[in-house]
Protein backbone atom coordinates (compact mmCIF):
# COMPACT_ATOMS: atom_id res chain seq x y z
CA MET A 1 9.09 1.20 10.05
CA GLN A 2 7.16 0.46 13.23
CA ILE A 3 5.83 3.54 15.05
CA ASP A 4 4.00 3.41 18.40
CA ILE A 5 1.85 6.51 18.93
CA ILE A 6 0.92 7.31 22.52
CA SER A 7 -1.70 9.86 23.56
CA PHE A 8 -3.03 10.97 26.93
CA THR A 9 -6.54 12.32 26.23
CA GLN A 10 -9.60 11.56 24.14
CA LYS A 11 -8.62 14.31 21.71
CA GLY A 12 -5.12 12.97 21.44
CA ALA A 13 -6.40 9.46 20.81
CA GLU A 14 -8.51 10.72 17.91
CA LEU A 15 -5.48 12.50 16.44
CA SER A 16 -3.44 9.29 16.67
CA LYS A 17 -6.02 7.64 14.42
CA ARG A 18 -5.69 10.50 11.94
CA ILE A 19 -1.92 10.12 11.86
CA LYS A 20 -2.12 6.39 11.29
CA GLY A 21 -4.69 6.80 8.55
CA SER A 22 -2.68 9.50 6.82
CA LEU A 23 0.76 7.86 6.70
CA PRO A 24 1.56 5.45 3.88
CA SER A 25 1.10 1.88 5.12
CA SER A 26 3.82 0.74 2.73
CA LYS A 27 6.35 2.76 4.72
CA TYR A 28 4.97 2.84 8.29
CA GLU A 29 3.19 0.37 10.54
CA CYS A 30 1.51 2.26 13.37
CA SER A 31 0.21 0.94 16.70
CA LEU A 32 -1.93 3.25 18.82
CA PHE A 33 -1.90 3.60 22.61
CA CYS A 34 -3.55 5.90 25.15
CA ALA A 35 -2.45 6.39 28.74
CA SER A 36 -5.68 8.11 29.90
CA LYS A 37 -7.78 6.22 32.44
CA ASN A 38 -10.79 8.40 31.71
CA ALA A 39 -10.88 8.52 27.92
CA ASP A 40 -13.47 6.51 26.03
CA LEU A 41 -10.95 4.90 23.72
CA PRO A 42 -11.82 4.63 20.03
CA GLU A 43 -11.60 1.23 18.38
CA GLY A 44 -8.07 0.21 17.54
CA ILE A 45 -6.42 2.00 20.45
CA THR A 46 -4.88 0.05 23.33
CA GLY A 47 -5.03 1.39 26.85
CA VAL A 48 -1.72 1.75 28.72
CA SER A 49 -1.77 0.60 32.32
CA GLU A 50 1.98 0.66 32.96
CA SER A 51 3.95 3.81 33.67
CA VAL A 52 4.99 5.89 30.70
CA TYR A 53 8.63 5.28 31.74
CA ASP A 54 8.17 1.51 31.38
CA PHE A 55 6.26 2.00 28.14
CA CYS A 56 9.18 3.92 26.66
CA ALA A 57 11.80 1.52 28.03
CA LYS A 58 10.16 -1.32 26.14
CA ARG A 59 10.21 0.71 22.90
CA PHE A 60 13.90 1.52 23.35
CA GLU A 61 14.57 -2.19 23.87
CA SER A 62 12.59 -3.23 20.78
CA LYS A 63 13.95 -0.31 18.67
CA THR A 64 10.46 1.03 17.97
CA ALA A 65 9.89 4.68 17.11
CA VAL A 66 7.58 6.64 19.44
CA VAL A 67 5.34 9.61 18.69
CA PHE A 68 3.95 11.44 21.74
CA ILE A 69 0.74 13.43 21.37
CA GLY A 70 0.94 15.94 24.18
CA ALA A 71 3.38 18.13 26.05
CA MET A 72 7.11 18.06 25.26
CA GLY A 73 7.86 17.83 28.99
CA ILE A 74 6.03 14.52 29.28
CA ALA A 75 8.09 13.06 26.45
CA VAL A 76 11.41 14.33 27.81
CA ARG A 77 10.79 12.93 31.28
CA ALA A 78 9.45 9.66 29.95
CA ILE A 79 12.44 8.86 27.73
CA SER A 80 15.18 10.27 29.97
CA PRO A 81 16.00 6.99 31.80
CA SER A 82 16.40 5.14 28.47
CA VAL A 83 18.48 7.57 26.43
CA LYS A 84 21.98 6.27 25.53
CA ASN A 85 23.56 7.79 22.44
CA LYS A 86 22.66 8.97 18.95
CA LEU A 87 23.52 5.65 17.31
CA GLU A 88 21.38 3.52 19.66
CA ASP A 89 18.49 5.80 20.57
CA ILE A 90 15.13 5.34 18.88
CA PRO A 91 13.33 8.07 16.94
CA VAL A 92 11.16 10.07 19.34
CA LEU A 93 8.76 12.79 18.22
CA VAL A 94 6.15 15.06 19.78
CA THR A 95 3.07 16.70 18.34
CA ASP A 96 0.48 18.80 20.17
CA GLU A 97 -3.19 17.75 20.27
CA ASN A 98 -4.06 20.36 17.61
CA ALA A 99 -1.35 18.98 15.31
CA SER A 100 0.08 22.48 14.95
CA TYR A 101 3.66 21.25 14.96
CA VAL A 102 5.53 17.97 14.69
CA ILE A 103 8.87 18.03 16.53
CA PRO A 104 11.66 15.42 16.35
CA VAL A 105 13.13 15.09 19.86
CA LEU A 106 15.65 12.28 19.48
CA SER A 107 17.58 10.53 16.70
CA GLY A 108 16.74 12.95 13.93
CA HIS A 109 19.25 11.62 11.40
CA VAL A 110 20.36 8.07 12.21
CA GLY A 111 17.01 6.98 13.57
CA GLY A 112 15.03 8.93 11.01
CA ALA A 113 12.95 11.15 13.32
CA ASN A 114 13.38 14.15 11.02
CA GLU A 115 12.04 12.17 8.07
CA ILE A 116 9.11 10.86 10.10
CA ALA A 117 8.29 14.42 11.23
CA LYS A 118 8.26 15.65 7.65
CA ASP A 119 6.03 12.77 6.56
CA ILE A 120 3.55 13.36 9.37
CA ALA A 121 3.53 17.11 8.75
CA GLU A 122 2.86 16.60 5.07
CA ALA A 123 0.12 14.05 5.79
CA LEU A 124 -1.63 16.40 8.27
CA ASN A 125 -0.88 19.61 6.37
CA THR A 126 1.02 21.04 9.33
CA GLN A 127 4.58 22.10 10.14
CA ALA A 128 7.63 19.99 11.05
CA VAL A 129 10.01 21.75 13.43
CA ILE A 130 13.52 20.59 12.54
CA THR A 131 16.29 21.81 14.86
CA THR A 132 19.38 19.83 13.80
CA ALA A 133 22.09 22.34 12.87
CA THR A 134 23.10 20.83 9.53
CA ASP A 135 19.48 20.80 8.36
CA ILE A 136 18.60 24.36 9.30
CA ASN A 137 21.86 25.62 7.80
CA ASP A 138 21.45 23.46 4.70
CA LYS A 139 24.79 21.73 5.28
CA PHE A 140 26.06 18.25 4.51
CA ALA A 141 25.13 15.83 7.35
CA ILE A 142 27.60 12.97 7.63
CA ASP A 143 25.35 10.78 9.83
CA LEU A 144 22.44 11.13 7.39
CA PHE A 145 24.82 10.36 4.54
CA ALA A 146 25.88 7.18 6.39
CA LYS A 147 22.29 6.12 6.97
CA LYS A 148 21.21 6.65 3.36
CA ASN A 149 24.19 4.67 2.10
CA ASP A 150 23.82 1.83 4.63
CA LEU A 151 27.17 2.56 6.30
CA PHE A 152 27.98 1.57 9.87
CA ILE A 153 29.46 4.39 11.99
CA GLU A 154 32.35 2.82 13.85
CA ASN A 155 33.21 5.74 16.18
CA LYS A 156 30.18 7.89 17.03
CA ASP A 157 32.33 10.60 18.65
CA GLY A 158 33.63 11.44 15.20
CA ILE A 159 30.21 12.64 14.01
CA ALA A 160 30.35 15.80 16.11
CA LYS A 161 33.93 16.51 15.05
CA VAL A 162 33.14 16.26 11.35
CA SER A 163 29.85 18.16 11.69
CA SER A 164 31.63 20.94 13.55
CA LYS A 165 34.03 21.41 10.63
CA VAL A 166 31.09 21.47 8.18
CA LEU A 167 29.21 24.06 10.23
CA ASN A 168 32.36 26.20 10.48
CA GLY A 169 32.53 26.33 6.72
CA GLU A 170 35.63 24.10 6.43
CA THR A 171 36.07 21.53 3.67
CA ILE A 172 36.00 17.93 4.82
CA THR A 173 37.96 15.21 3.03
CA ILE A 174 36.43 11.74 2.51
CA ASN A 175 38.69 8.89 1.49
CA MET A 176 37.28 5.68 0.06
CA GLU A 177 38.57 2.76 -1.94
CA TYR A 178 38.54 3.26 -5.70
CA GLY A 179 35.43 2.24 -7.61
CA HIS A 180 32.82 2.61 -4.88
CA LEU A 181 31.65 6.16 -5.64
CA GLU A 182 28.38 6.22 -7.53
CA GLY A 183 26.90 9.71 -7.23
CA HIS A 184 28.17 12.71 -9.19
CA LYS A 185 26.59 15.49 -7.15
CA ILE A 186 29.18 15.96 -4.42
CA PRO A 187 28.04 18.71 -1.97
CA MET A 188 29.91 21.94 -1.54
CA GLY A 189 32.48 21.69 1.23
CA VAL A 190 33.15 18.00 0.58
CA LYS A 191 36.28 16.65 -1.14
CA VAL A 192 36.45 13.00 -2.14
CA ASN A 193 39.70 11.09 -2.62
CA GLU A 194 39.44 7.68 -4.27
CA SER A 195 42.44 5.39 -4.00
CA ILE A 196 43.29 1.70 -4.10
CA ASN A 197 43.91 1.83 -0.37
CA ALA A 198 41.74 4.30 1.50
CA ASN A 199 44.04 3.98 4.50
CA ASP A 200 46.92 5.57 2.60
CA PRO A 201 45.70 9.12 1.89
CA ASP A 202 47.92 11.86 0.52
CA GLU A 203 46.64 14.31 3.13
CA GLU A 204 44.82 14.46 6.43
CA THR A 205 41.54 12.60 6.35
CA ASP A 206 38.30 13.59 8.02
CA VAL A 207 36.21 10.55 6.99
CA CYS A 208 37.36 7.14 5.82
CA ILE A 209 34.90 4.74 4.11
CA SER A 210 36.36 1.28 3.77
CA ASP A 211 35.53 -2.43 3.74
CA ASP A 212 38.85 -3.00 5.56
CA ASN A 213 38.88 -3.49 9.34
CA GLU A 214 42.33 -2.04 9.90
CA ASP A 215 42.63 0.89 12.32
CA ARG A 216 42.25 4.30 10.70
CA ASN A 217 43.48 7.75 11.65
CA ALA A 218 40.44 9.56 10.30
CA LEU A 219 38.11 11.53 12.54
CA LEU A 220 35.23 9.30 11.46
CA ILE A 221 35.28 5.72 10.16
CA LEU A 222 32.45 4.28 8.13
CA ARG A 223 32.06 0.64 7.16
CA PRO A 224 29.60 -0.69 4.53
CA LYS A 225 26.87 -2.98 5.80
CA ASN A 226 27.47 -5.35 2.94
CA TYR A 227 26.83 -8.75 4.51
CA ILE A 228 23.44 -10.40 3.98
CA LEU A 229 22.25 -13.23 6.24
CA GLY A 230 20.00 -15.87 4.71
CA ILE A 231 18.13 -17.65 7.50
CA GLY A 232 15.78 -20.59 7.56
CA CYS A 233 14.37 -22.14 10.71
CA LYS A 234 11.88 -24.58 12.12
CA LYS A 235 8.57 -23.11 13.16
CA GLY A 236 8.56 -21.61 16.64
CA LYS A 237 12.30 -21.15 17.03
CA SER A 238 12.91 -18.63 19.82
CA PHE A 239 14.81 -15.38 19.58
CA GLU A 240 17.43 -16.80 21.93
CA GLU A 241 18.02 -19.93 19.82
CA ILE A 242 18.31 -17.93 16.62
CA GLU A 243 20.55 -15.31 18.18
CA GLU A 244 22.91 -17.84 19.74
CA PHE A 245 23.45 -19.73 16.49
CA VAL A 246 23.78 -16.66 14.25
CA LEU A 247 26.26 -14.91 16.53
CA GLN A 248 28.29 -18.10 16.83
CA VAL A 249 28.59 -18.47 13.06
CA LEU A 250 29.41 -14.79 12.57
CA LYS A 251 32.12 -14.95 15.25
CA GLU A 252 33.68 -18.04 13.63
CA SER A 253 33.56 -16.25 10.26
CA GLU A 254 35.05 -13.02 11.72
CA ILE A 255 32.03 -10.94 10.63
CA ASP A 256 30.76 -8.17 12.89
CA ILE A 257 26.97 -8.10 13.16
CA ASP A 258 27.14 -4.29 12.77
CA ARG A 259 28.24 -4.99 9.19
CA VAL A 260 25.05 -6.91 8.41
CA GLY A 261 22.78 -5.00 6.05
CA ALA A 262 19.80 -7.36 5.93
CA VAL A 263 18.35 -10.71 6.96
CA ALA A 264 16.57 -12.65 4.21
CA SER A 265 14.23 -15.64 4.25
CA ILE A 266 11.23 -17.17 2.53
CA ASP A 267 7.88 -15.36 2.77
CA VAL A 268 6.26 -18.11 4.88
CA LYS A 269 8.64 -16.96 7.64
CA LYS A 270 7.66 -13.28 7.47
CA ASP A 271 5.68 -13.55 10.73
CA GLU A 272 8.08 -15.93 12.50
CA GLU A 273 8.34 -14.31 15.93
CA GLY A 274 11.91 -15.38 16.68
CA LEU A 275 13.18 -13.90 13.40
CA LYS A 276 11.21 -10.68 13.89
CA LEU A 277 12.56 -10.26 17.41
CA PHE A 278 16.13 -10.96 16.24
CA THR A 279 16.03 -8.43 13.40
CA GLY A 280 14.25 -5.89 15.61
CA GLN A 281 16.77 -6.24 18.42
CA TYR A 282 19.70 -5.61 16.05
CA ASN A 283 17.81 -3.09 13.90
CA ILE A 284 18.37 -5.08 10.71
CA PRO A 285 15.91 -5.01 7.79
CA PHE A 286 14.05 -8.30 7.33
CA LEU A 287 13.40 -9.23 3.69
CA THR A 288 11.34 -12.18 2.49
CA PHE A 289 10.91 -13.75 -0.93
CA ALA A 290 8.31 -16.05 -2.45
CA ALA A 291 9.26 -19.62 -3.28
CA ASP A 292 8.99 -18.90 -7.02
CA GLU A 293 11.51 -16.04 -6.64
CA LEU A 294 13.97 -18.19 -4.70
CA ASN A 295 13.73 -21.04 -7.17
CA LYS A 296 14.94 -18.70 -9.91
CA ILE A 297 18.22 -18.07 -8.08
CA GLU A 298 21.03 -19.94 -9.81
CA GLY A 299 23.82 -21.70 -7.93
CA ASP A 300 25.12 -24.93 -6.53
CA PHE A 301 23.14 -25.31 -3.27
CA GLU A 302 22.98 -27.94 -0.57
CA ARG A 303 19.61 -29.50 -1.27
CA SER A 304 16.98 -30.59 1.30
CA ASP A 305 14.04 -32.68 0.10
CA PHE A 306 12.30 -32.09 3.44
CA VAL A 307 12.47 -28.31 3.00
CA LEU A 308 11.36 -28.64 -0.63
CA GLU A 309 8.33 -30.64 0.40
CA ASN A 310 7.33 -28.19 3.12
CA VAL A 311 7.98 -24.76 1.59
CA GLY A 312 8.54 -25.41 -2.11
CA VAL A 313 12.28 -24.58 -2.16
CA ASP A 314 15.17 -26.98 -1.76
CA ASN A 315 17.36 -24.48 0.10
CA VAL A 316 16.11 -21.35 1.86
CA CYS A 317 19.15 -19.75 3.48
CA GLU A 318 21.58 -19.69 0.51
CA ARG A 319 18.96 -18.77 -2.05
CA ALA A 320 17.48 -16.03 0.15
CA ALA A 321 20.90 -14.54 0.92
CA LEU A 322 21.74 -14.38 -2.79
CA ALA A 323 18.30 -12.95 -3.67
CA ALA A 324 18.88 -10.04 -1.27
CA SER A 325 22.54 -9.47 -2.11
CA GLU A 326 22.10 -7.76 -5.52
CA GLY A 327 24.72 -9.76 -7.35
CA GLY A 328 26.82 -10.66 -4.34
CA LYS A 329 28.49 -13.95 -3.61
CA ILE A 330 28.24 -16.53 -0.84
CA VAL A 331 31.08 -16.22 1.68
CA VAL A 332 29.64 -18.59 4.28
CA SER A 333 27.87 -21.64 2.89
CA LYS A 334 24.90 -23.24 4.62
CA LYS A 335 25.42 -23.89 8.35
CA LYS A 336 23.00 -25.85 10.51
CA GLY A 337 22.33 -25.77 14.23
CA ASN A 338 19.58 -25.22 16.81
CA GLY A 339 16.98 -25.96 14.13
CA VAL A 340 18.31 -22.95 12.20
CA THR A 341 20.10 -22.73 8.86
CA LEU A 342 22.31 -19.80 7.95
CA ALA A 343 24.28 -18.63 4.91
CA VAL A 344 26.09 -15.33 4.44
CA CYS A 345 26.52 -13.34 1.22
CA LYS A 346 28.74 -10.36 0.66
CA LYS A 347 27.43 -7.79 -1.80
CA ASN A 348 29.18 -5.05 -3.70
CA TRP A 349 28.81 -1.61 -2.15
CA ARG A 350 28.64 1.87 -3.61
CA VAL A 351 27.89 5.26 -2.13
CA SER A 352 26.01 8.22 -3.51
CA PHE A 353 25.93 11.85 -2.37
CA TYR A 354 22.60 13.59 -2.02
CA GLU A 355 21.70 17.20 -2.52
């Protein structure tokens, strides 16, 4: 996860370096910024000349988490013009210059701010201040459950309705299609009904988890993000060119981009700016595989000698989609356009409950 850390003083800038050095690089990629005009900035910290409002607006646009080192009031004012809703907002956190506390301000569950706060607190041997009601009352959090199971929340207004029932001590009923339940530790206050058709419950439903796009009567509707996009492209393809082609193919295939769980490609494309911007804009994980890994994928693929000569694989998009789909199957074979190739796999989905 990309985190931009912004400080406002020399002391804060030094703390930002501590945070970056303490967090696992395998999980977080941190960029450091300082908005002070007077601070003698340490190496590796970029000065901020724009307003803090514009700084934050760009992070909301690029879906980049932000950690403020300073006063809570600065953070609240800086992000206020950009805040939309809990499904779109980025994770925002605040810590004081002494690193006494780490406080998630925005997107604690869906965005992961609570998890980031706990990781920073552990790394700095300090305290995370978690204020979300389900966490402090040790209750089941439906939005966190959705995030951990890679489920798309179709109607965000249902989160509050379900959470309210949980916090009031009521049992919530979750309906899902038979065969998709993996975990055995179902939390207290949660009842799971498995049926062939999750839209035909025997009783009132609070949450419906289904691969079906029919309308539901449940308070909250969750859809699995079980489509994987395999993408190949010529070097230097722009975000706009990639986006236009991908959205066109998805529309023709009647696949909602909100149901996409990952974009996959060959590792030589891991720094391709257009692909990085596309996956960042839609908040989709970007997975890459070495040519040797892709060549091991079995299947009947549309072969390209040109691609084989240049990257060592005869087909990038279909092989990459299958490599990332964990036993899934191709539902959209290789499409070409705008110097981009695209294939879509659909993988099997399962859900687990967490303690």
